[in-house]
Protein backbone atom coordinates (compact mmCIF):
# COMPACT_ATOMS: atom_id res chain seq x y z
CA MET A 1 -11.62 16.74 -2.36
CA ILE A 2 -9.63 15.14 0.49
CA ALA A 3 -11.27 11.63 0.01
CA LEU A 4 -10.30 11.79 -3.78
CA ILE A 5 -7.14 13.01 -2.98
CA ASN A 6 -6.32 10.27 -0.24
CA ILE A 7 -7.68 7.63 -2.69
CA ALA A 8 -5.71 8.65 -5.46
CA VAL A 9 -2.19 9.74 -3.83
CA VAL A 10 -1.56 7.06 -0.95
CA GLY A 11 -1.80 3.92 -2.56
CA PRO A 12 -0.14 4.69 -5.59
CA VAL A 13 2.71 6.50 -3.63
CA LEU A 14 3.63 3.59 -1.32
CA VAL A 15 2.55 1.40 -3.59
CA GLY A 16 3.48 2.29 -6.91
CA GLY A 17 6.50 3.94 -5.47
CA ALA A 18 7.90 0.78 -4.63
CA VAL A 19 7.17 -0.51 -7.90
CA LEU A 20 8.90 2.57 -9.29
CA ALA A 21 11.69 2.25 -6.83
CA ASP A 22 12.59 -1.05 -8.05
CA GLN A 23 12.00 -0.85 -11.28
CA ARG A 24 13.49 2.62 -12.44
CA LEU A 25 15.12 4.28 -9.59
CA GLY A 26 17.52 1.68 -8.13
CA GLY A 27 15.76 -0.06 -5.73
CA ALA A 28 14.45 0.14 -2.11
CA GLY A 29 16.93 2.57 -0.87
CA SER A 30 15.74 5.10 -3.58
CA LEU A 31 12.05 4.77 -2.33
CA GLY A 32 13.43 5.70 1.07
CA VAL A 33 14.95 8.90 -0.28
CA VAL A 34 11.86 9.72 -2.16
CA LEU A 35 9.74 9.33 0.81
CA SER A 36 11.95 11.55 2.47
CA GLY A 37 11.41 14.00 0.08
CA PHE A 38 7.50 14.10 0.53
CA GLY A 39 8.04 14.30 4.29
CA ALA A 40 10.51 17.63 3.89
CA GLY A 41 7.86 18.73 1.10
CA SER A 42 5.05 18.27 3.63
CA LEU A 43 6.79 19.92 6.29
CA ALA A 44 7.59 22.98 3.86
CA GLY A 45 4.10 23.23 2.95
CA SER A 46 2.75 23.20 6.51
CA LEU A 47 5.44 25.80 8.09
CA MET A 48 4.46 28.00 4.66
CA ALA A 49 1.15 27.81 5.01
CA GLY A 50 1.09 28.53 9.09
CA TRP A 51 3.67 31.40 8.24
CA ARG A 52 1.97 33.07 6.21
CA PRO A 53 -1.84 32.53 5.18
CA PRO A 54 -2.97 32.97 1.96
CA ALA A 55 -4.74 36.10 1.11
CA ARG A 56 -7.06 34.01 -1.88
CA ARG A 57 -7.77 30.71 -0.12
CA GLY A 58 -10.01 29.46 -2.87
CA ARG A 59 -7.24 29.87 -5.53
CA THR A 60 -4.81 28.52 -3.01
CA VAL A 61 -7.07 25.23 -2.40
CA VAL A 62 -7.10 24.95 -6.55
CA GLY A 63 -3.72 25.17 -6.62
CA GLY A 64 -2.65 22.86 -3.98
CA VAL A 65 -4.89 20.57 -5.52
CA ALA A 66 -3.53 21.23 -8.75
CA ALA A 67 -0.25 20.73 -7.67
CA ILE A 68 -0.89 17.47 -6.11
CA GLY A 69 -2.18 16.41 -9.35
CA ALA A 70 0.45 17.51 -11.63
CA GLY A 71 2.97 15.58 -9.39
CA MET A 72 1.18 12.48 -9.04
CA ALA A 73 1.09 12.73 -13.40
CA GLY A 74 4.79 13.59 -13.17
CA LEU A 75 5.61 10.55 -11.56
CA ALA A 76 4.78 8.47 -14.97
CA ALA A 77 7.92 10.00 -16.33
CA VAL A 78 10.54 9.95 -13.88
CA THR A 79 13.46 7.92 -14.55
CA HIS A 80 16.18 9.42 -11.90
CA VAL A 81 15.87 9.29 -8.07
CA VAL A 82 16.92 13.27 -7.95
CA ALA A 83 13.56 13.52 -10.14
CA ALA A 84 11.48 11.46 -8.25
CA THR A 85 12.16 13.04 -5.32
CA ALA A 86 11.75 16.74 -6.61
CA VAL A 87 8.21 15.66 -8.16
CA VAL A 88 7.33 13.79 -4.53
CA SER A 89 8.08 17.06 -2.72
CA LEU A 90 5.80 19.02 -4.66
CA ILE A 91 3.30 16.23 -3.97
CA GLY A 92 4.12 16.84 -0.28
CA LEU A 93 4.06 20.36 -0.50
CA GLY A 94 0.75 20.80 -1.87
CA SER A 95 -0.43 18.27 0.38
CA GLY A 96 1.19 19.90 3.71
CA PHE A 97 0.10 23.26 2.53
CA LEU A 98 -3.67 22.04 1.89
CA GLY A 99 -3.71 20.48 4.83
CA VAL A 100 -3.42 23.47 7.37
CA VAL A 101 -5.28 26.05 4.97
CA VAL A 102 -8.33 23.50 4.56
CA VAL A 103 -8.54 22.82 8.68
CA ALA A 104 -7.96 26.54 9.52
CA THR A 105 -10.84 27.46 7.18
CA LEU A 106 -13.04 24.66 8.86
CA GLN A 107 -12.49 26.03 12.10
CA GLU A 108 -13.21 29.58 11.26
CA ARG A 109 -16.39 29.15 9.13
CA VAL A 110 -18.05 25.95 10.87
CA PRO A 111 -20.46 26.54 13.60
CA GLU A 112 -18.78 25.73 16.68
CA GLN A 113 -21.47 22.90 17.71
CA LEU A 114 -20.71 21.25 13.98
CA LEU A 115 -16.68 21.48 14.23
CA GLY A 116 -16.05 18.35 15.84
CA ARG A 117 -18.51 16.08 13.46
CA VAL A 118 -16.79 18.34 10.64
CA LEU A 119 -13.44 17.47 11.52
CA SER A 120 -14.36 13.83 12.27
CA LEU A 121 -15.18 13.74 8.80
CA VAL A 122 -12.03 15.37 7.38
CA VAL A 123 -10.10 13.11 9.33
CA LEU A 124 -12.23 10.08 8.27
CA ALA A 125 -11.59 10.94 4.93
CA THR A 126 -7.48 10.93 5.29
CA VAL A 127 -7.78 7.77 7.34
CA ALA A 128 -10.35 5.31 5.97
CA PHE A 129 -10.24 5.51 2.57
CA ASP A 130 -6.42 4.43 2.70
CA PRO A 131 -7.52 0.34 1.99
CA PHE A 132 -9.42 1.76 -0.92
CA SER A 133 -6.36 3.31 -2.48
CA TYR A 134 -4.07 0.61 -1.90
CA VAL A 135 -6.77 -1.62 -3.65
CA ILE A 136 -6.77 0.57 -6.82
CA ALA A 137 -2.79 1.28 -6.82
CA GLY A 138 -2.77 -3.19 -6.88
CA ALA A 139 -5.66 -2.81 -9.75
CA LEU A 140 -3.82 -0.64 -11.99
CA LEU A 141 -0.17 -1.52 -11.46
CA PRO A 142 -0.51 -4.51 -13.83
CA TYR A 143 -0.75 -1.87 -16.59
CA GLY A 144 2.58 -0.20 -15.60
CA THR A 145 3.67 2.22 -13.47
CA THR A 146 3.18 4.95 -15.84
CA THR A 147 -0.74 4.15 -16.33
CA LEU A 148 -0.97 4.20 -12.41
CA PHE A 149 0.59 7.48 -12.10
CA LEU A 150 -1.38 9.27 -15.33
CA VAL A 151 -4.47 7.98 -13.96
CA CYS A 152 -4.28 9.01 -10.38
CA GLY A 153 -2.89 12.51 -11.21
CA SER A 154 -5.53 12.79 -13.62
CA ALA A 155 -8.09 12.00 -11.26
CA VAL A 156 -6.72 14.95 -8.89
CA LEU A 157 -6.53 17.39 -11.60
CA ALA A 158 -9.71 16.68 -12.77
CA CYS A 159 -10.75 17.17 -8.93
CA ALA A 160 -8.60 20.44 -8.98
CA GLY A 161 -10.93 21.71 -11.89
CA LEU A 162 -14.12 20.82 -10.39
CA VAL A 163 -13.18 22.47 -7.12
CA ALA A 164 -11.91 25.38 -9.21
CA THR A 165 -15.80 25.47 -10.57
CA SER A 166 -17.03 25.70 -6.98
CA PRO A 167 -18.57 29.08 -6.09
CA ALA A 168 -18.09 28.25 -2.37
CA VAL A 169 -14.11 27.53 -2.45
CA ARG A 170 -13.86 30.58 -5.18
CA SER A 171 -15.17 33.16 -2.44
CA LEU A 172 -13.06 31.59 -0.07
CA ARG A 173 -10.83 34.55 1.27
């Protein structure tokens, strides 16, 4: 889940976001505003997860993944910097919230002697796949930003569907 989200979000937002800003949002300054929306959403999501942990983590994980996917797909339709910033803030909110919830859940449930290895894999999934994400974004961009964001958003939404079918995730409390 973490690897797929990273692959389907990082490159499209950074590479596709630059093209989107140039084509529909008014240029590079707009990209800065949109990316700050991501940062603000991520900060808000992290604070919300730390302030009040969810009662039903399984549903929260599925909802967070779905919010990220819906946000990515929503970027296909934006034509104004305010709308793009709102959508990217949603992606950041889901991402920040999930980051805290998933890591906290792993720290609680993974045996202590395996925790370092498991968290290393999480870090690997969040960092090492960035180049693949850029390649995918670059490969899809010739078909337009609408296609890029719809394909990547659909992939994350499909991931949310798969995560929702996992008994291990659904049972998280």
